[in-house]
Amino acid sequence: MLLKLPSGIVQQNPWLTIANKQLELMHKYLTEFGLSPVSRSRVSIAPATPGRSKFEGLLGQHCERDEFFDD
């Protein structure tokens, strides 16, 4: 974590400085997209509707049935 320079001065490793800066940037990006732990606690998930497929609305509401793929 620390480097001792030839002059005897102790200095923080430059890689640690880069890692800390990237961690700070990622925290900002995650907060911007609502992925921080605080924002996730406000997310609520609606219960699944029984009897419906999770893919039912994938193709749209007015999807016509094909004679070859009818059940």
C-alpha atoms as a PDB file:
ATOM      1  CA  MET A   1       0.000   0.000   0.000  1.00  0.00           C
ATOM      2  CA  LEU A   2       2.890   2.321   0.695  1.00  0.00           C
ATOM      3  CA  LEU A   3       6.078   2.793  -1.273  1.00  0.00           C
ATOM      4  CA  LYS A   4       9.373   4.015   0.032  1.00  0.00           C
ATOM      5  CA  LEU A   5      11.058   6.210  -2.563  1.00  0.00           C
ATOM      6  CA  PRO A   6      14.850   6.164  -3.032  1.00  0.00           C
ATOM      7  CA  SER A   7      14.962   9.526  -1.258  1.00  0.00           C
ATOM      8  CA  GLY A   8      13.411   7.887   1.845  1.00  0.00           C
ATOM      9  CA  ILE A   9       9.974   9.480   1.526  1.00  0.00           C
ATOM     10  CA  VAL A  10       7.024   7.138   2.097  1.00  0.00           C
ATOM     11  CA  GLN A  11       4.267   7.578  -0.474  1.00  0.00           C
ATOM     12  CA  GLN A  12       0.912   5.921  -1.217  1.00  0.00           C
ATOM     13  CA  ASN A  13       1.080   3.429  -4.089  1.00  0.00           C
ATOM     14  CA  PRO A  14      -0.205   5.040  -7.333  1.00  0.00           C
ATOM     15  CA  TRP A  15      -2.308   1.931  -8.066  1.00  0.00           C
ATOM     16  CA  LEU A  16      -4.209   2.474  -4.822  1.00  0.00           C
ATOM     17  CA  THR A  17      -4.948   6.054  -5.866  1.00  0.00           C
ATOM     18  CA  ILE A  18      -6.297   4.829  -9.210  1.00  0.00           C
ATOM     19  CA  ALA A  19      -8.427   2.121  -7.537  1.00  0.00           C
ATOM     20  CA  ASN A  20      -9.918   4.605  -5.067  1.00  0.00           C
ATOM     21  CA  LYS A  21     -10.807   7.027  -7.875  1.00  0.00           C
ATOM     22  CA  GLN A  22     -12.487   4.258  -9.907  1.00  0.00           C
ATOM     23  CA  LEU A  23     -14.446   3.118  -6.850  1.00  0.00           C
ATOM     24  CA  GLU A  24     -15.675   6.678  -6.354  1.00  0.00           C
ATOM     25  CA  LEU A  25     -16.731   6.909 -10.020  1.00  0.00           C
ATOM     26  CA  MET A  26     -18.586   3.577  -9.882  1.00  0.00           C
ATOM     27  CA  HIS A  27     -20.448   4.729  -6.793  1.00  0.00           C
ATOM     28  CA  LYS A  28     -21.569   7.845  -8.671  1.00  0.00           C
ATOM     29  CA  TYR A  29     -22.689   5.797 -11.711  1.00  0.00           C
ATOM     30  CA  LEU A  30     -24.619   3.295  -9.592  1.00  0.00           C
ATOM     31  CA  THR A  31     -26.339   6.101  -7.713  1.00  0.00           C
ATOM     32  CA  GLU A  32     -27.272   7.738 -11.024  1.00  0.00           C
ATOM     33  CA  PHE A  33     -28.907   4.511 -12.228  1.00  0.00           C
ATOM     34  CA  GLY A  34     -30.688   3.948  -8.920  1.00  0.00           C
ATOM     35  CA  LEU A  35     -28.620   0.950  -7.870  1.00  0.00           C
ATOM     36  CA  SER A  36     -27.447   2.181  -4.502  1.00  0.00           C
ATOM     37  CA  PRO A  37     -28.528   0.171  -1.431  1.00  0.00           C
ATOM     38  CA  VAL A  38     -30.762   3.020  -0.293  1.00  0.00           C
ATOM     39  CA  SER A  39     -32.695   3.195  -3.579  1.00  0.00           C
ATOM     40  CA  ARG A  40     -33.116  -0.598  -3.769  1.00  0.00           C
ATOM     41  CA  SER A  41     -34.985  -0.616  -0.471  1.00  0.00           C
ATOM     42  CA  ARG A  42     -37.755   1.421  -2.107  1.00  0.00           C
ATOM     43  CA  VAL A  43     -38.276  -1.091  -4.927  1.00  0.00           C
ATOM     44  CA  SER A  44     -41.409  -3.170  -4.606  1.00  0.00           C
ATOM     45  CA  ILE A  45     -42.282  -6.198  -6.676  1.00  0.00           C
ATOM     46  CA  ALA A  46     -45.890  -6.931  -7.583  1.00  0.00           C
ATOM     47  CA  PRO A  47     -46.989 -10.519  -7.012  1.00  0.00           C
ATOM     48  CA  ALA A  48     -47.317 -12.661 -10.130  1.00  0.00           C
ATOM     49  CA  THR A  49     -50.789 -12.974 -11.605  1.00  0.00           C
ATOM     50  CA  PRO A  50     -51.838 -16.626 -11.372  1.00  0.00           C
ATOM     51  CA  GLY A  51     -52.714 -18.364 -14.629  1.00  0.00           C
ATOM     52  CA  ARG A  52     -50.786 -15.990 -16.883  1.00  0.00           C
ATOM     53  CA  SER A  53     -47.536 -16.718 -18.617  1.00  0.00           C
ATOM     54  CA  LYS A  54     -44.672 -14.337 -17.960  1.00  0.00           C
ATOM     55  CA  PHE A  55     -44.201 -14.157 -21.753  1.00  0.00           C
ATOM     56  CA  GLU A  56     -47.844 -13.372 -22.559  1.00  0.00           C
ATOM     57  CA  GLY A  57     -47.370  -9.663 -23.244  1.00  0.00           C
ATOM     58  CA  LEU A  58     -44.049 -10.070 -25.035  1.00  0.00           C
ATOM     59  CA  LEU A  59     -45.413  -9.811 -28.587  1.00  0.00           C
ATOM     60  CA  GLY A  60     -48.002  -7.152 -27.828  1.00  0.00           C
ATOM     61  CA  GLN A  61     -51.675  -7.095 -26.986  1.00  0.00           C
ATOM     62  CA  HIS A  62     -53.079  -7.754 -30.464  1.00  0.00           C
ATOM     63  CA  CYS A  63     -51.049 -10.767 -31.464  1.00  0.00           C
ATOM     64  CA  GLU A  64     -52.940 -12.984 -33.893  1.00  0.00           C
ATOM     65  CA  ARG A  65     -52.653 -16.728 -33.486  1.00  0.00           C
ATOM     66  CA  ASP A  66     -51.069 -18.732 -36.248  1.00  0.00           C
ATOM     67  CA  GLU A  67     -52.791 -21.892 -37.498  1.00  0.00           C
ATOM     68  CA  PHE A  68     -49.540 -23.835 -37.230  1.00  0.00           C
ATOM     69  CA  PHE A  69     -48.768 -22.800 -33.656  1.00  0.00           C
ATOM     70  CA  ASP A  70     -52.212 -22.981 -32.031  1.00  0.00           C
ATOM     71  CA  ASP A  71     -52.430 -25.139 -28.930  1.00  0.00           C
END
